[in-house]
Amino acid sequence: METSRTAFPKRRAAAERNRGKILDAAREAFADPTPDISMAEIARRAGVGMATLYRNFPGRQELLEALYADEVDQICDAATLQSGQSPAAALTAWLRLQIAFIPHKRLIISELLEHTDRDGITSHRARAVEAGRPLLAAAQEAGQIRDELTLEQIFDLIVAIAKINESPGYLQPLFETVLDGLHRTPG
């Protein structure tokens, strides 16, 4: 009986697809304000069995940590200045990604804080700050964004607004006011 040598790469690719499906389903599930999303519900939404779910993520905490790290990776990867884009526009677009992530992050972070030390979450914030620092520096050097602000201060403003327990429709004008206030006024 002959076995195919390509079986293992196919299995690895399938395992990676399953992992991605689980993370996508978890991201969607945790955006739902219902706090009691079960692992079985995440497996059902991902279209995988419980064994596949637990093979990838032995417990809820590991799933939440992977989901949070994945979101931060996406935000870090997006911290780029596109050709023809002003530095202020690049920074603002990147901050909008952070803001869009907030509905997903609330439940994830609150659950992670119950079972994890703050250092893990803080290290992810530090990665995002480091990724965005060149965008802020470029916008400040171009005279488009206020010089006296640090990225940490901007993040703290966003987090402060995100802590308000209201609908996204209520919060969005507050976020827009912060983003508008970052710009240097001509004069």
C-alpha atoms as a PDB file:
ATOM      1  CA  MET A   1       0.000   0.000   0.000  1.00  0.00           C
ATOM      2  CA  GLU A   2       1.502   3.251  -1.163  1.00  0.00           C
ATOM      3  CA  THR A   3       0.927   6.527   0.629  1.00  0.00           C
ATOM      4  CA  SER A   4       1.046   9.902  -0.989  1.00  0.00           C
ATOM      5  CA  ARG A   5       3.810  12.239   0.116  1.00  0.00           C
ATOM      6  CA  THR A   6       1.505  15.221  -0.494  1.00  0.00           C
ATOM      7  CA  ALA A   7      -0.948  14.092   2.179  1.00  0.00           C
ATOM      8  CA  PHE A   8       0.878  15.911   4.973  1.00  0.00           C
ATOM      9  CA  PRO A   9       1.024  19.322   3.283  1.00  0.00           C
ATOM     10  CA  LYS A  10      -2.666  18.949   2.422  1.00  0.00           C
ATOM     11  CA  ARG A  11      -3.434  18.142   6.046  1.00  0.00           C
ATOM     12  CA  ARG A  12      -1.407  21.136   7.225  1.00  0.00           C
ATOM     13  CA  ALA A  13      -3.243  23.398   4.790  1.00  0.00           C
ATOM     14  CA  ALA A  14      -6.589  21.994   5.952  1.00  0.00           C
ATOM     15  CA  ALA A  15      -5.571  22.462   9.590  1.00  0.00           C
ATOM     16  CA  GLU A  16      -4.605  26.074   8.881  1.00  0.00           C
ATOM     17  CA  ARG A  17      -7.931  26.670   7.110  1.00  0.00           C
ATOM     18  CA  ASN A  18      -9.797  25.173  10.088  1.00  0.00           C
ATOM     19  CA  ARG A  19      -7.860  27.379  12.485  1.00  0.00           C
ATOM     20  CA  GLY A  20      -8.761  30.423  10.382  1.00  0.00           C
ATOM     21  CA  LYS A  21     -12.423  29.389  10.271  1.00  0.00           C
ATOM     22  CA  ILE A  22     -12.445  29.016  14.060  1.00  0.00           C
ATOM     23  CA  LEU A  23     -10.862  32.438  14.573  1.00  0.00           C
ATOM     24  CA  ASP A  24     -13.319  34.042  12.119  1.00  0.00           C
ATOM     25  CA  ALA A  25     -16.276  32.410  13.855  1.00  0.00           C
ATOM     26  CA  ALA A  26     -14.957  33.434  17.283  1.00  0.00           C
ATOM     27  CA  ARG A  27     -14.403  37.012  16.110  1.00  0.00           C
ATOM     28  CA  GLU A  28     -18.002  37.173  14.921  1.00  0.00           C
ATOM     29  CA  ALA A  29     -19.343  35.417  18.025  1.00  0.00           C
ATOM     30  CA  PHE A  30     -17.530  37.700  20.449  1.00  0.00           C
ATOM     31  CA  ALA A  31     -18.772  40.787  18.613  1.00  0.00           C
ATOM     32  CA  ASP A  32     -22.246  39.706  19.743  1.00  0.00           C
ATOM     33  CA  PRO A  33     -23.100  41.421  23.026  1.00  0.00           C
ATOM     34  CA  THR A  34     -24.335  38.109  24.488  1.00  0.00           C
ATOM     35  CA  PRO A  35     -21.591  37.260  26.981  1.00  0.00           C
ATOM     36  CA  ASP A  36     -22.076  33.482  27.176  1.00  0.00           C
ATOM     37  CA  ILE A  37     -20.818  32.215  23.833  1.00  0.00           C
ATOM     38  CA  SER A  38     -19.943  28.555  24.287  1.00  0.00           C
ATOM     39  CA  MET A  39     -17.076  26.733  22.654  1.00  0.00           C
ATOM     40  CA  ALA A  40     -19.683  24.430  21.068  1.00  0.00           C
ATOM     41  CA  GLU A  41     -21.363  27.456  19.478  1.00  0.00           C
ATOM     42  CA  ILE A  42     -18.049  28.656  18.083  1.00  0.00           C
ATOM     43  CA  ALA A  43     -17.359  25.188  16.636  1.00  0.00           C
ATOM     44  CA  ARG A  44     -20.854  25.130  15.101  1.00  0.00           C
ATOM     45  CA  ARG A  45     -20.383  28.587  13.542  1.00  0.00           C
ATOM     46  CA  ALA A  46     -16.964  27.556  12.194  1.00  0.00           C
ATOM     47  CA  GLY A  47     -18.344  24.349  10.726  1.00  0.00           C
ATOM     48  CA  VAL A  48     -15.834  22.172  12.582  1.00  0.00           C
ATOM     49  CA  GLY A  49     -16.155  19.465  15.197  1.00  0.00           C
ATOM     50  CA  MET A  50     -15.340  19.909  18.850  1.00  0.00           C
ATOM     51  CA  ALA A  51     -12.194  17.790  18.483  1.00  0.00           C
ATOM     52  CA  THR A  52     -10.908  20.158  15.776  1.00  0.00           C
ATOM     53  CA  LEU A  53     -11.695  23.166  17.937  1.00  0.00           C
ATOM     54  CA  TYR A  54      -9.903  21.741  20.986  1.00  0.00           C
ATOM     55  CA  ARG A  55      -6.968  20.488  18.905  1.00  0.00           C
ATOM     56  CA  ASN A  56      -6.386  24.089  17.838  1.00  0.00           C
ATOM     57  CA  PHE A  57      -7.373  25.779  21.089  1.00  0.00           C
ATOM     58  CA  PRO A  58      -7.294  23.584  24.222  1.00  0.00           C
ATOM     59  CA  GLY A  59      -9.533  26.006  26.101  1.00  0.00           C
ATOM     60  CA  ARG A  60     -11.463  29.237  25.933  1.00  0.00           C
ATOM     61  CA  GLN A  61      -8.538  31.292  27.233  1.00  0.00           C
ATOM     62  CA  GLU A  62      -6.222  30.028  24.481  1.00  0.00           C
ATOM     63  CA  LEU A  63      -8.857  30.866  21.876  1.00  0.00           C
ATOM     64  CA  LEU A  64      -9.319  34.377  23.279  1.00  0.00           C
ATOM     65  CA  GLU A  65      -5.552  34.949  23.449  1.00  0.00           C
ATOM     66  CA  ALA A  66      -5.107  33.782  19.848  1.00  0.00           C
ATOM     67  CA  LEU A  67      -8.012  35.903  18.679  1.00  0.00           C
ATOM     68  CA  TYR A  68      -6.673  39.010  20.417  1.00  0.00           C
ATOM     69  CA  ALA A  69      -3.139  38.414  19.097  1.00  0.00           C
ATOM     70  CA  ASP A  70      -4.548  37.896  15.583  1.00  0.00           C
ATOM     71  CA  GLU A  71      -6.461  41.192  15.746  1.00  0.00           C
ATOM     72  CA  VAL A  72      -3.381  43.046  16.997  1.00  0.00           C
ATOM     73  CA  ASP A  73      -1.287  41.471  14.219  1.00  0.00           C
ATOM     74  CA  GLN A  74      -3.761  42.770  11.636  1.00  0.00           C
ATOM     75  CA  ILE A  75      -3.665  46.252  13.140  1.00  0.00           C
ATOM     76  CA  CYS A  76       0.151  46.232  13.233  1.00  0.00           C
ATOM     77  CA  ASP A  77       0.354  45.044   9.622  1.00  0.00           C
ATOM     78  CA  ALA A  78      -1.954  47.867   8.533  1.00  0.00           C
ATOM     79  CA  ALA A  79       0.303  50.599   9.962  1.00  0.00           C
ATOM     80  CA  THR A  80       1.649  51.709   6.589  1.00  0.00           C
ATOM     81  CA  LEU A  81       1.746  54.883   4.563  1.00  0.00           C
ATOM     82  CA  GLN A  82       0.282  54.153   1.122  1.00  0.00           C
ATOM     83  CA  SER A  83       1.639  55.858  -1.976  1.00  0.00           C
ATOM     84  CA  GLY A  84      -0.114  59.187  -2.550  1.00  0.00           C
ATOM     85  CA  GLN A  85      -1.649  59.213   0.931  1.00  0.00           C
ATOM     86  CA  SER A  86      -0.920  62.088   3.301  1.00  0.00           C
ATOM     87  CA  PRO A  87       0.675  61.091   6.599  1.00  0.00           C
ATOM     88  CA  ALA A  88      -2.335  62.427   8.543  1.00  0.00           C
ATOM     89  CA  ALA A  89      -4.735  60.432   6.337  1.00  0.00           C
ATOM     90  CA  ALA A  90      -2.653  57.273   6.887  1.00  0.00           C
ATOM     91  CA  LEU A  91      -2.650  57.777  10.656  1.00  0.00           C
ATOM     92  CA  THR A  92      -6.376  58.518  10.749  1.00  0.00           C
ATOM     93  CA  ALA A  93      -7.197  55.460   8.604  1.00  0.00           C
ATOM     94  CA  TRP A  94      -5.080  53.302  10.888  1.00  0.00           C
ATOM     95  CA  LEU A  95      -6.766  54.691  14.016  1.00  0.00           C
ATOM     96  CA  ARG A  96     -10.151  53.946  12.417  1.00  0.00           C
ATOM     97  CA  LEU A  97      -9.090  50.274  12.260  1.00  0.00           C
ATOM     98  CA  GLN A  98      -8.412  50.428  15.996  1.00  0.00           C
ATOM     99  CA  ILE A  99     -11.843  51.951  16.563  1.00  0.00           C
ATOM    100  CA  ALA A 100     -13.543  49.344  14.357  1.00  0.00           C
ATOM    101  CA  PHE A 101     -11.898  46.625  16.431  1.00  0.00           C
ATOM    102  CA  ILE A 102     -13.459  47.917  19.683  1.00  0.00           C
ATOM    103  CA  PRO A 103     -16.828  46.114  19.440  1.00  0.00           C
ATOM    104  CA  HIS A 104     -14.931  42.817  19.065  1.00  0.00           C
ATOM    105  CA  LYS A 105     -12.397  43.614  21.738  1.00  0.00           C
ATOM    106  CA  ARG A 106     -14.678  44.457  24.686  1.00  0.00           C
ATOM    107  CA  LEU A 107     -15.799  40.926  25.486  1.00  0.00           C
ATOM    108  CA  ILE A 108     -12.453  39.398  24.563  1.00  0.00           C
ATOM    109  CA  ILE A 109     -10.481  41.693  26.872  1.00  0.00           C
ATOM    110  CA  SER A 110     -12.922  41.453  29.761  1.00  0.00           C
ATOM    111  CA  GLU A 111     -12.734  37.647  29.631  1.00  0.00           C
ATOM    112  CA  LEU A 112      -8.968  37.641  29.189  1.00  0.00           C
ATOM    113  CA  LEU A 113      -8.536  39.892  32.214  1.00  0.00           C
ATOM    114  CA  GLU A 114     -10.456  37.375  34.306  1.00  0.00           C
ATOM    115  CA  HIS A 115      -7.995  34.588  33.485  1.00  0.00           C
ATOM    116  CA  THR A 116      -4.783  36.286  32.353  1.00  0.00           C
ATOM    117  CA  ASP A 117      -2.372  38.796  33.770  1.00  0.00           C
ATOM    118  CA  ARG A 118      -2.442  42.321  32.361  1.00  0.00           C
ATOM    119  CA  ASP A 119       1.119  41.969  31.049  1.00  0.00           C
ATOM    120  CA  GLY A 120       0.009  39.909  28.062  1.00  0.00           C
ATOM    121  CA  ILE A 121      -2.595  42.468  27.053  1.00  0.00           C
ATOM    122  CA  THR A 122      -0.189  45.345  27.706  1.00  0.00           C
ATOM    123  CA  SER A 123       2.465  43.748  25.503  1.00  0.00           C
ATOM    124  CA  HIS A 124      -0.015  43.625  22.619  1.00  0.00           C
ATOM    125  CA  ARG A 125      -0.805  47.314  23.110  1.00  0.00           C
ATOM    126  CA  ALA A 126       2.935  48.044  23.092  1.00  0.00           C
ATOM    127  CA  ARG A 127       3.265  46.218  19.763  1.00  0.00           C
ATOM    128  CA  ALA A 128       0.445  48.308  18.279  1.00  0.00           C
ATOM    129  CA  VAL A 129       1.991  51.519  19.604  1.00  0.00           C
ATOM    130  CA  GLU A 130       5.369  50.634  18.092  1.00  0.00           C
ATOM    131  CA  ALA A 131       3.742  49.783  14.760  1.00  0.00           C
ATOM    132  CA  GLY A 132       1.874  53.097  14.640  1.00  0.00           C
ATOM    133  CA  ARG A 133       4.641  55.329  15.961  1.00  0.00           C
ATOM    134  CA  PRO A 134       6.158  55.946  12.473  1.00  0.00           C
ATOM    135  CA  LEU A 135       2.736  57.024  11.162  1.00  0.00           C
ATOM    136  CA  LEU A 136       2.345  59.580  13.963  1.00  0.00           C
ATOM    137  CA  ALA A 137       5.935  60.814  13.534  1.00  0.00           C
ATOM    138  CA  ALA A 138       5.447  61.288   9.773  1.00  0.00           C
ATOM    139  CA  ALA A 139       2.179  63.179  10.302  1.00  0.00           C
ATOM    140  CA  GLN A 140       3.737  65.379  12.973  1.00  0.00           C
ATOM    141  CA  GLU A 141       6.830  66.056  10.848  1.00  0.00           C
ATOM    142  CA  ALA A 142       4.521  67.070   7.972  1.00  0.00           C
ATOM    143  CA  GLY A 143       2.819  69.528  10.342  1.00  0.00           C
ATOM    144  CA  GLN A 144      -0.537  67.773   9.936  1.00  0.00           C
ATOM    145  CA  ILE A 145      -1.013  66.367  13.451  1.00  0.00           C
ATOM    146  CA  ARG A 146      -0.518  68.162  16.762  1.00  0.00           C
ATOM    147  CA  ASP A 147       3.049  67.860  18.038  1.00  0.00           C
ATOM    148  CA  GLU A 148       2.235  67.621  21.731  1.00  0.00           C
ATOM    149  CA  LEU A 149       0.377  64.302  21.466  1.00  0.00           C
ATOM    150  CA  THR A 150       1.917  60.875  21.871  1.00  0.00           C
ATOM    151  CA  LEU A 151       0.417  57.712  20.430  1.00  0.00           C
ATOM    152  CA  GLU A 152      -0.149  56.462  23.968  1.00  0.00           C
ATOM    153  CA  GLN A 153      -2.280  59.548  24.679  1.00  0.00           C
ATOM    154  CA  ILE A 154      -4.272  59.007  21.479  1.00  0.00           C
ATOM    155  CA  PHE A 155      -4.852  55.352  22.403  1.00  0.00           C
ATOM    156  CA  ASP A 156      -5.945  56.423  25.898  1.00  0.00           C
ATOM    157  CA  LEU A 157      -8.520  58.794  24.378  1.00  0.00           C
ATOM    158  CA  ILE A 158      -9.888  56.002  22.204  1.00  0.00           C
ATOM    159  CA  VAL A 159     -10.009  53.577  25.149  1.00  0.00           C
ATOM    160  CA  ALA A 160     -11.730  56.155  27.363  1.00  0.00           C
ATOM    161  CA  ILE A 161     -14.490  56.584  24.794  1.00  0.00           C
ATOM    162  CA  ALA A 162     -14.723  52.826  24.247  1.00  0.00           C
ATOM    163  CA  LYS A 163     -15.422  52.343  27.962  1.00  0.00           C
ATOM    164  CA  ILE A 164     -18.666  54.306  27.661  1.00  0.00           C
ATOM    165  CA  ASN A 165     -21.424  51.712  27.770  1.00  0.00           C
ATOM    166  CA  GLU A 166     -23.432  52.960  24.797  1.00  0.00           C
ATOM    167  CA  SER A 167     -24.234  51.890  21.263  1.00  0.00           C
ATOM    168  CA  PRO A 168     -21.754  52.308  18.400  1.00  0.00           C
ATOM    169  CA  GLY A 169     -24.025  55.021  16.989  1.00  0.00           C
ATOM    170  CA  TYR A 170     -23.599  57.016  20.191  1.00  0.00           C
ATOM    171  CA  LEU A 171     -19.827  56.477  20.333  1.00  0.00           C
ATOM    172  CA  GLN A 172     -18.979  57.129  16.681  1.00  0.00           C
ATOM    173  CA  PRO A 173     -19.399  60.950  16.820  1.00  0.00           C
ATOM    174  CA  LEU A 174     -17.157  60.986  19.892  1.00  0.00           C
ATOM    175  CA  PHE A 175     -14.465  59.042  18.038  1.00  0.00           C
ATOM    176  CA  GLU A 176     -14.794  61.389  15.049  1.00  0.00           C
ATOM    177  CA  THR A 177     -14.336  64.392  17.351  1.00  0.00           C
ATOM    178  CA  VAL A 178     -11.119  62.877  18.713  1.00  0.00           C
ATOM    179  CA  LEU A 179      -9.822  62.161  15.199  1.00  0.00           C
ATOM    180  CA  ASP A 180     -10.681  65.693  14.050  1.00  0.00           C
ATOM    181  CA  GLY A 181      -8.984  67.133  17.150  1.00  0.00           C
ATOM    182  CA  LEU A 182      -5.683  65.447  16.295  1.00  0.00           C
ATOM    183  CA  HIS A 183      -5.197  67.640  13.240  1.00  0.00           C
ATOM    184  CA  ARG A 184      -3.182  70.805  13.467  1.00  0.00           C
ATOM    185  CA  THR A 185      -5.267  73.825  12.649  1.00  0.00           C
ATOM    186  CA  PRO A 186      -3.754  76.082  10.005  1.00  0.00           C
ATOM    187  CA  GLY A 187      -2.706  79.403  11.323  1.00  0.00           C
END
